[in-house]
Amino acid sequence: LDLIRPNGGTVRVLGMDPQKDPVAVRRRTGYLPG
């Protein structure tokens, strides 16, 4: 969800890069934090 940034590697959520468009990822996601 780009709430923290990784030090390396790649992530795709719903076909999107959460670091480039975190708002679009979160708009389509339901999140229950710990």
ModelCIF file with pLDDT and N, C-alpha, C, O atoms, coordinates in Angstrom:
data_MODEL
#
_entry.id   MODEL 
#
_entity.id                         1 
_entity.type                       polymer 
_entity.pdbx_number_of_molecules   1 
#
_entity_poly.entity_id                      1 
_entity_poly.type                           'polypeptide(L)' 
_entity_poly.nstd_linkage                   no 
_entity_poly.nstd_monomer                   no 
_entity_poly.pdbx_seq_one_letter_code       LDLIRPNGGTVRVLGMDPQKDPVAVRRRTGYLPG 
_entity_poly.pdbx_seq_one_letter_code_can   LDLIRPNGGTVRVLGMDPQKDPVAVRRRTGYLPG 
_entity_poly.pdbx_strand_id                 A 
#
loop_
_entity_poly_seq.entity_id 
_entity_poly_seq.num 
_entity_poly_seq.mon_id 
_entity_poly_seq.hetero 
1 1  LEU n 
1 2  ASP n 
1 3  LEU n 
1 4  ILE n 
1 5  ARG n 
1 6  PRO n 
1 7  ASN n 
1 8  GLY n 
1 9  GLY n 
1 10 THR n 
1 11 VAL n 
1 12 ARG n 
1 13 VAL n 
1 14 LEU n 
1 15 GLY n 
1 16 MET n 
1 17 ASP n 
1 18 PRO n 
1 19 GLN n 
1 20 LYS n 
1 21 ASP n 
1 22 PRO n 
1 23 VAL n 
1 24 ALA n 
1 25 VAL n 
1 26 ARG n 
1 27 ARG n 
1 28 ARG n 
1 29 THR n 
1 30 GLY n 
1 31 TYR n 
1 32 LEU n 
1 33 PRO n 
1 34 GLY n 
#
_struct_asym.id          A 
_struct_asym.entity_id   1 
#
loop_
_ma_qa_metric.id 
_ma_qa_metric.mode 
_ma_qa_metric.name 
_ma_qa_metric.software_group_id 
_ma_qa_metric.type 
1 global pLDDT . pLDDT 
2 local  pLDDT . pLDDT 
#
_ma_qa_metric_global.metric_id      1 
_ma_qa_metric_global.metric_value   95.68 
_ma_qa_metric_global.model_id       1 
_ma_qa_metric_global.ordinal_id     1 
#
loop_
_ma_qa_metric_local.label_asym_id 
_ma_qa_metric_local.label_comp_id 
_ma_qa_metric_local.label_seq_id 
_ma_qa_metric_local.metric_id 
_ma_qa_metric_local.metric_value 
_ma_qa_metric_local.model_id 
_ma_qa_metric_local.ordinal_id 
A LEU 1  2 97.00 1 1  
A ASP 2  2 97.00 1 2  
A LEU 3  2 96.00 1 3  
A ILE 4  2 96.00 1 4  
A ARG 5  2 96.00 1 5  
A PRO 6  2 96.00 1 6  
A ASN 7  2 96.00 1 7  
A GLY 8  2 96.00 1 8  
A GLY 9  2 97.00 1 9  
A THR 10 2 96.00 1 10 
A VAL 11 2 97.00 1 11 
A ARG 12 2 97.00 1 12 
A VAL 13 2 97.00 1 13 
A LEU 14 2 97.00 1 14 
A GLY 15 2 95.00 1 15 
A MET 16 2 97.00 1 16 
A ASP 17 2 97.00 1 17 
A PRO 18 2 97.00 1 18 
A GLN 19 2 96.00 1 19 
A LYS 20 2 96.00 1 20 
A ASP 21 2 95.00 1 21 
A PRO 22 2 95.00 1 22 
A VAL 23 2 94.00 1 23 
A ALA 24 2 95.00 1 24 
A VAL 25 2 96.00 1 25 
A ARG 26 2 94.00 1 26 
A ARG 27 2 94.00 1 27 
A ARG 28 2 96.00 1 28 
A THR 29 2 97.00 1 29 
A GLY 30 2 96.00 1 30 
A TYR 31 2 97.00 1 31 
A LEU 32 2 96.00 1 32 
A PRO 33 2 94.00 1 33 
A GLY 34 2 85.00 1 34 
#
loop_
_atom_site.group_PDB 
_atom_site.id 
_atom_site.type_symbol 
_atom_site.label_atom_id 
_atom_site.label_alt_id 
_atom_site.label_comp_id 
_atom_site.label_asym_id 
_atom_site.label_entity_id 
_atom_site.label_seq_id 
_atom_site.pdbx_PDB_ins_code 
_atom_site.Cartn_x 
_atom_site.Cartn_y 
_atom_site.Cartn_z 
_atom_site.occupancy 
_atom_site.B_iso_or_equiv 
_atom_site.pdbx_formal_charge 
_atom_site.auth_seq_id 
_atom_site.auth_comp_id 
_atom_site.auth_asym_id 
_atom_site.auth_atom_id 
_atom_site.pdbx_PDB_model_num 
ATOM 1   N N  . LEU A 1 1  ? 0.813   -1.220 0.000   1.00 97.00 ? 1  LEU A N  1 
ATOM 2   C CA . LEU A 1 1  ? 0.000   0.000  0.000   1.00 97.00 ? 1  LEU A CA 1 
ATOM 3   C C  . LEU A 1 1  ? 0.846   1.270  0.000   1.00 97.00 ? 1  LEU A C  1 
ATOM 4   O O  . LEU A 1 1  ? 0.305   2.373  0.077   1.00 97.00 ? 1  LEU A O  1 
ATOM 5   N N  . ASP A 1 2  ? 2.159   1.126  -0.085  1.00 97.00 ? 2  ASP A N  1 
ATOM 6   C CA . ASP A 1 2  ? 3.087   2.260  -0.036  1.00 97.00 ? 2  ASP A CA 1 
ATOM 7   C C  . ASP A 1 2  ? 2.973   3.046  1.261   1.00 97.00 ? 2  ASP A C  1 
ATOM 8   O O  . ASP A 1 2  ? 3.195   4.256  1.289   1.00 97.00 ? 2  ASP A O  1 
ATOM 9   N N  . LEU A 1 3  ? 2.624   2.347  2.334   1.00 96.00 ? 3  LEU A N  1 
ATOM 10  C CA . LEU A 1 3  ? 2.642   2.980  3.651   1.00 96.00 ? 3  LEU A CA 1 
ATOM 11  C C  . LEU A 1 3  ? 4.066   3.050  4.176   1.00 96.00 ? 3  LEU A C  1 
ATOM 12  O O  . LEU A 1 3  ? 4.401   3.916  4.985   1.00 96.00 ? 3  LEU A O  1 
ATOM 13  N N  . ILE A 1 4  ? 4.899   2.131  3.710   1.00 96.00 ? 4  ILE A N  1 
ATOM 14  C CA . ILE A 1 4  ? 6.345   2.200  3.910   1.00 96.00 ? 4  ILE A CA 1 
ATOM 15  C C  . ILE A 1 4  ? 7.001   1.868  2.575   1.00 96.00 ? 4  ILE A C  1 
ATOM 16  O O  . ILE A 1 4  ? 6.390   1.215  1.729   1.00 96.00 ? 4  ILE A O  1 
ATOM 17  N N  . ARG A 1 5  ? 8.215   2.304  2.386   1.00 96.00 ? 5  ARG A N  1 
ATOM 18  C CA . ARG A 1 5  ? 8.926   2.082  1.139   1.00 96.00 ? 5  ARG A CA 1 
ATOM 19  C C  . ARG A 1 5  ? 9.946   0.949  1.304   1.00 96.00 ? 5  ARG A C  1 
ATOM 20  O O  . ARG A 1 5  ? 10.727  0.961  2.255   1.00 96.00 ? 5  ARG A O  1 
ATOM 21  N N  . PRO A 1 6  ? 9.948   -0.020 0.398   1.00 96.00 ? 6  PRO A N  1 
ATOM 22  C CA . PRO A 1 6  ? 10.951  -1.079 0.455   1.00 96.00 ? 6  PRO A CA 1 
ATOM 23  C C  . PRO A 1 6  ? 12.324  -0.534 0.072   1.00 96.00 ? 6  PRO A C  1 
ATOM 24  O O  . PRO A 1 6  ? 12.435  0.518  -0.556  1.00 96.00 ? 6  PRO A O  1 
ATOM 25  N N  . ASN A 1 7  ? 13.361  -1.264 0.458   1.00 96.00 ? 7  ASN A N  1 
ATOM 26  C CA . ASN A 1 7  ? 14.728  -0.894 0.098   1.00 96.00 ? 7  ASN A CA 1 
ATOM 27  C C  . ASN A 1 7  ? 15.136  -1.454 -1.260  1.00 96.00 ? 7  ASN A C  1 
ATOM 28  O O  . ASN A 1 7  ? 16.129  -1.022 -1.845  1.00 96.00 ? 7  ASN A O  1 
ATOM 29  N N  . GLY A 1 8  ? 14.366  -2.415 -1.755  1.00 96.00 ? 8  GLY A N  1 
ATOM 30  C CA . GLY A 1 8  ? 14.694  -3.017 -3.044  1.00 96.00 ? 8  GLY A CA 1 
ATOM 31  C C  . GLY A 1 8  ? 13.576  -3.915 -3.518  1.00 96.00 ? 8  GLY A C  1 
ATOM 32  O O  . GLY A 1 8  ? 12.669  -4.245 -2.755  1.00 96.00 ? 8  GLY A O  1 
ATOM 33  N N  . GLY A 1 9  ? 13.639  -4.311 -4.776  1.00 97.00 ? 9  GLY A N  1 
ATOM 34  C CA . GLY A 1 9  ? 12.625  -5.175 -5.349  1.00 97.00 ? 9  GLY A CA 1 
ATOM 35  C C  . GLY A 1 9  ? 11.499  -4.383 -5.996  1.00 97.00 ? 9  GLY A C  1 
ATOM 36  O O  . GLY A 1 9  ? 11.503  -3.152 -5.973  1.00 97.00 ? 9  GLY A O  1 
ATOM 37  N N  . THR A 1 10 ? 10.538  -5.093 -6.571  1.00 96.00 ? 10 THR A N  1 
ATOM 38  C CA . THR A 1 10 ? 9.422   -4.454 -7.252  1.00 96.00 ? 10 THR A CA 1 
ATOM 39  C C  . THR A 1 10 ? 8.097   -4.967 -6.700  1.00 96.00 ? 10 THR A C  1 
ATOM 40  O O  . THR A 1 10 ? 7.999   -6.100 -6.228  1.00 96.00 ? 10 THR A O  1 
ATOM 41  N N  . VAL A 1 11 ? 7.075   -4.106 -6.771  1.00 97.00 ? 11 VAL A N  1 
ATOM 42  C CA . VAL A 1 11 ? 5.731   -4.446 -6.317  1.00 97.00 ? 11 VAL A CA 1 
ATOM 43  C C  . VAL A 1 11 ? 4.728   -3.946 -7.341  1.00 97.00 ? 11 VAL A C  1 
ATOM 44  O O  . VAL A 1 11 ? 4.847   -2.838 -7.864  1.00 97.00 ? 11 VAL A O  1 
ATOM 45  N N  . ARG A 1 12 ? 3.736   -4.787 -7.619  1.00 97.00 ? 12 ARG A N  1 
ATOM 46  C CA . ARG A 1 12 ? 2.600   -4.365 -8.435  1.00 97.00 ? 12 ARG A CA 1 
ATOM 47  C C  . ARG A 1 12 ? 1.321   -4.820 -7.735  1.00 97.00 ? 12 ARG A C  1 
ATOM 48  O O  . ARG A 1 12 ? 1.206   -5.973 -7.318  1.00 97.00 ? 12 ARG A O  1 
ATOM 49  N N  . VAL A 1 13 ? 0.372   -3.910 -7.613  1.00 97.00 ? 13 VAL A N  1 
ATOM 50  C CA . VAL A 1 13 ? -0.921  -4.194 -6.994  1.00 97.00 ? 13 VAL A CA 1 
ATOM 51  C C  . VAL A 1 13 ? -2.001  -3.744 -7.957  1.00 97.00 ? 13 VAL A C  1 
ATOM 52  O O  . VAL A 1 13 ? -2.051  -2.572 -8.330  1.00 97.00 ? 13 VAL A O  1 
ATOM 53  N N  . LEU A 1 14 ? -2.868  -4.664 -8.365  1.00 97.00 ? 14 LEU A N  1 
ATOM 54  C CA . LEU A 1 14 ? -3.913  -4.368 -9.345  1.00 97.00 ? 14 LEU A CA 1 
ATOM 55  C C  . LEU A 1 14 ? -3.315  -3.773 -10.617 1.00 97.00 ? 14 LEU A C  1 
ATOM 56  O O  . LEU A 1 14 ? -3.905  -2.904 -11.258 1.00 97.00 ? 14 LEU A O  1 
ATOM 57  N N  . GLY A 1 15 ? -2.134  -4.265 -10.958 1.00 95.00 ? 15 GLY A N  1 
ATOM 58  C CA . GLY A 1 15 ? -1.452  -3.813 -12.170 1.00 95.00 ? 15 GLY A CA 1 
ATOM 59  C C  . GLY A 1 15 ? -0.742  -2.494 -12.039 1.00 95.00 ? 15 GLY A C  1 
ATOM 60  O O  . GLY A 1 15 ? -0.168  -2.010 -13.014 1.00 95.00 ? 15 GLY A O  1 
ATOM 61  N N  . MET A 1 16 ? -0.762  -1.888 -10.854 1.00 97.00 ? 16 MET A N  1 
ATOM 62  C CA . MET A 1 16 ? -0.172  -0.568 -10.651 1.00 97.00 ? 16 MET A CA 1 
ATOM 63  C C  . MET A 1 16 ? 1.035   -0.633 -9.726  1.00 97.00 ? 16 MET A C  1 
ATOM 64  O O  . MET A 1 16 ? 1.171   -1.552 -8.917  1.00 97.00 ? 16 MET A O  1 
ATOM 65  N N  . ASP A 1 17 ? 1.895   0.348  -9.860  1.00 97.00 ? 17 ASP A N  1 
ATOM 66  C CA . ASP A 1 17 ? 3.027   0.504  -8.953  1.00 97.00 ? 17 ASP A CA 1 
ATOM 67  C C  . ASP A 1 17 ? 2.562   1.377  -7.789  1.00 97.00 ? 17 ASP A C  1 
ATOM 68  O O  . ASP A 1 17 ? 2.310   2.565  -7.989  1.00 97.00 ? 17 ASP A O  1 
ATOM 69  N N  . PRO A 1 18 ? 2.442   0.829  -6.586  1.00 97.00 ? 18 PRO A N  1 
ATOM 70  C CA . PRO A 1 18 ? 1.920   1.631  -5.468  1.00 97.00 ? 18 PRO A CA 1 
ATOM 71  C C  . PRO A 1 18 ? 2.812   2.810  -5.091  1.00 97.00 ? 18 PRO A C  1 
ATOM 72  O O  . PRO A 1 18 ? 2.344   3.757  -4.459  1.00 97.00 ? 18 PRO A O  1 
ATOM 73  N N  . GLN A 1 19 ? 4.079   2.764  -5.465  1.00 96.00 ? 19 GLN A N  1 
ATOM 74  C CA . GLN A 1 19 ? 4.942   3.900  -5.168  1.00 96.00 ? 19 GLN A CA 1 
ATOM 75  C C  . GLN A 1 19 ? 4.663   5.076  -6.103  1.00 96.00 ? 19 GLN A C  1 
ATOM 76  O O  . GLN A 1 19 ? 4.867   6.231  -5.730  1.00 96.00 ? 19 GLN A O  1 
ATOM 77  N N  . LYS A 1 20 ? 4.197   4.779  -7.322  1.00 96.00 ? 20 LYS A N  1 
ATOM 78  C CA . LYS A 1 20 ? 3.903   5.837  -8.284  1.00 96.00 ? 20 LYS A CA 1 
ATOM 79  C C  . LYS A 1 20 ? 2.474   6.360  -8.172  1.00 96.00 ? 20 LYS A C  1 
ATOM 80  O O  . LYS A 1 20 ? 2.214   7.534  -8.437  1.00 96.00 ? 20 LYS A O  1 
ATOM 81  N N  . ASP A 1 21 ? 1.549   5.487  -7.779  1.00 95.00 ? 21 ASP A N  1 
ATOM 82  C CA . ASP A 1 21 ? 0.148   5.904  -7.694  1.00 95.00 ? 21 ASP A CA 1 
ATOM 83  C C  . ASP A 1 21 ? -0.529  5.263  -6.482  1.00 95.00 ? 21 ASP A C  1 
ATOM 84  O O  . ASP A 1 21 ? -1.436  4.446  -6.635  1.00 95.00 ? 21 ASP A O  1 
ATOM 85  N N  . PRO A 1 22 ? -0.089  5.633  -5.285  1.00 95.00 ? 22 PRO A N  1 
ATOM 86  C CA . PRO A 1 22 ? -0.651  5.007  -4.080  1.00 95.00 ? 22 PRO A CA 1 
ATOM 87  C C  . PRO A 1 22 ? -2.132  5.301  -3.878  1.00 95.00 ? 22 PRO A C  1 
ATOM 88  O O  . PRO A 1 22 ? -2.856  4.456  -3.350  1.00 95.00 ? 22 PRO A O  1 
ATOM 89  N N  . VAL A 1 23 ? -2.600  6.478  -4.284  1.00 94.00 ? 23 VAL A N  1 
ATOM 90  C CA . VAL A 1 23 ? -4.007  6.838  -4.080  1.00 94.00 ? 23 VAL A CA 1 
ATOM 91  C C  . VAL A 1 23 ? -4.905  5.925  -4.905  1.00 94.00 ? 23 VAL A C  1 
ATOM 92  O O  . VAL A 1 23 ? -5.946  5.480  -4.421  1.00 94.00 ? 23 VAL A O  1 
ATOM 93  N N  . ALA A 1 24 ? -4.513  5.639  -6.153  1.00 95.00 ? 24 ALA A N  1 
ATOM 94  C CA . ALA A 1 24 ? -5.311  4.765  -7.011  1.00 95.00 ? 24 ALA A CA 1 
ATOM 95  C C  . ALA A 1 24 ? -5.372  3.347  -6.453  1.00 95.00 ? 24 ALA A C  1 
ATOM 96  O O  . ALA A 1 24 ? -6.409  2.688  -6.524  1.00 95.00 ? 24 ALA A O  1 
ATOM 97  N N  . VAL A 1 25 ? -4.247  2.878  -5.894  1.00 96.00 ? 25 VAL A N  1 
ATOM 98  C CA . VAL A 1 25 ? -4.227  1.540  -5.293  1.00 96.00 ? 25 VAL A CA 1 
ATOM 99  C C  . VAL A 1 25 ? -5.145  1.490  -4.081  1.00 96.00 ? 25 VAL A C  1 
ATOM 100 O O  . VAL A 1 25 ? -5.928  0.551  -3.932  1.00 96.00 ? 25 VAL A O  1 
ATOM 101 N N  . ARG A 1 26 ? -5.056  2.481  -3.228  1.00 94.00 ? 26 ARG A N  1 
ATOM 102 C CA . ARG A 1 26 ? -5.851  2.477  -1.993  1.00 94.00 ? 26 ARG A CA 1 
ATOM 103 C C  . ARG A 1 26 ? -7.336  2.687  -2.278  1.00 94.00 ? 26 ARG A C  1 
ATOM 104 O O  . ARG A 1 26 ? -8.187  2.211  -1.527  1.00 94.00 ? 26 ARG A O  1 
ATOM 105 N N  . ARG A 1 27 ? -7.644  3.396  -3.359  1.00 94.00 ? 27 ARG A N  1 
ATOM 106 C CA . ARG A 1 27 ? -9.047  3.620  -3.715  1.00 94.00 ? 27 ARG A CA 1 
ATOM 107 C C  . ARG A 1 27 ? -9.751  2.308  -4.025  1.00 94.00 ? 27 ARG A C  1 
ATOM 108 O O  . ARG A 1 27 ? -10.950 2.173  -3.781  1.00 94.00 ? 27 ARG A O  1 
ATOM 109 N N  . ARG A 1 28 ? -9.022  1.352  -4.556  1.00 96.00 ? 28 ARG A N  1 
ATOM 110 C CA . ARG A 1 28 ? -9.615  0.087  -4.987  1.00 96.00 ? 28 ARG A CA 1 
ATOM 111 C C  . ARG A 1 28 ? -9.384  -1.031 -3.972  1.00 96.00 ? 28 ARG A C  1 
ATOM 112 O O  . ARG A 1 28 ? -9.640  -2.202 -4.254  1.00 96.00 ? 28 ARG A O  1 
ATOM 113 N N  . THR A 1 29 ? -8.897  -0.655 -2.784  1.00 97.00 ? 29 THR A N  1 
ATOM 114 C CA . THR A 1 29 ? -8.504  -1.637 -1.770  1.00 97.00 ? 29 THR A CA 1 
ATOM 115 C C  . THR A 1 29 ? -9.241  -1.396 -0.461  1.00 97.00 ? 29 THR A C  1 
ATOM 116 O O  . THR A 1 29 ? -9.509  -0.256 -0.084  1.00 97.00 ? 29 THR A O  1 
ATOM 117 N N  . GLY A 1 30 ? -9.560  -2.482 0.221   1.00 96.00 ? 30 GLY A N  1 
ATOM 118 C CA . GLY A 1 30 ? -10.045 -2.404 1.594   1.00 96.00 ? 30 GLY A CA 1 
ATOM 119 C C  . GLY A 1 30 ? -8.944  -2.905 2.510   1.00 96.00 ? 30 GLY A C  1 
ATOM 120 O O  . GLY A 1 30 ? -8.464  -4.027 2.350   1.00 96.00 ? 30 GLY A O  1 
ATOM 121 N N  . TYR A 1 31 ? -8.540  -2.083 3.467   1.00 97.00 ? 31 TYR A N  1 
ATOM 122 C CA . TYR A 1 31 ? -7.370  -2.394 4.301   1.00 97.00 ? 31 TYR A CA 1 
ATOM 123 C C  . TYR A 1 31 ? -7.758  -2.446 5.770   1.00 97.00 ? 31 TYR A C  1 
ATOM 124 O O  . TYR A 1 31 ? -8.349  -1.511 6.310   1.00 97.00 ? 31 TYR A O  1 
ATOM 125 N N  . LEU A 1 32 ? -7.417  -3.541 6.392   1.00 96.00 ? 32 LEU A N  1 
ATOM 126 C CA . LEU A 1 32 ? -7.554  -3.677 7.850   1.00 96.00 ? 32 LEU A CA 1 
ATOM 127 C C  . LEU A 1 32 ? -6.153  -3.744 8.436   1.00 96.00 ? 32 LEU A C  1 
ATOM 128 O O  . LEU A 1 32 ? -5.481  -4.766 8.297   1.00 96.00 ? 32 LEU A O  1 
ATOM 129 N N  . PRO A 1 33 ? -5.694  -2.677 9.089   1.00 94.00 ? 33 PRO A N  1 
ATOM 130 C CA . PRO A 1 33 ? -4.358  -2.700 9.677   1.00 94.00 ? 33 PRO A CA 1 
ATOM 131 C C  . PRO A 1 33 ? -4.310  -3.503 10.960  1.00 94.00 ? 33 PRO A C  1 
ATOM 132 O O  . PRO A 1 33 ? -5.344  -3.824 11.547  1.00 94.00 ? 33 PRO A O  1 
ATOM 133 N N  . GLY A 1 34 ? -3.115  -3.821 11.382  1.00 85.00 ? 34 GLY A N  1 
ATOM 134 C CA . GLY A 1 34 ? -2.957  -4.545 12.634  1.00 85.00 ? 34 GLY A CA 1 
ATOM 135 C C  . GLY A 1 34 ? -3.264  -3.689 13.846  1.00 85.00 ? 34 GLY A C  1 
ATOM 136 O O  . GLY A 1 34 ? -3.174  -4.165 14.977  1.00 85.00 ? 34 GLY A O  1 
#
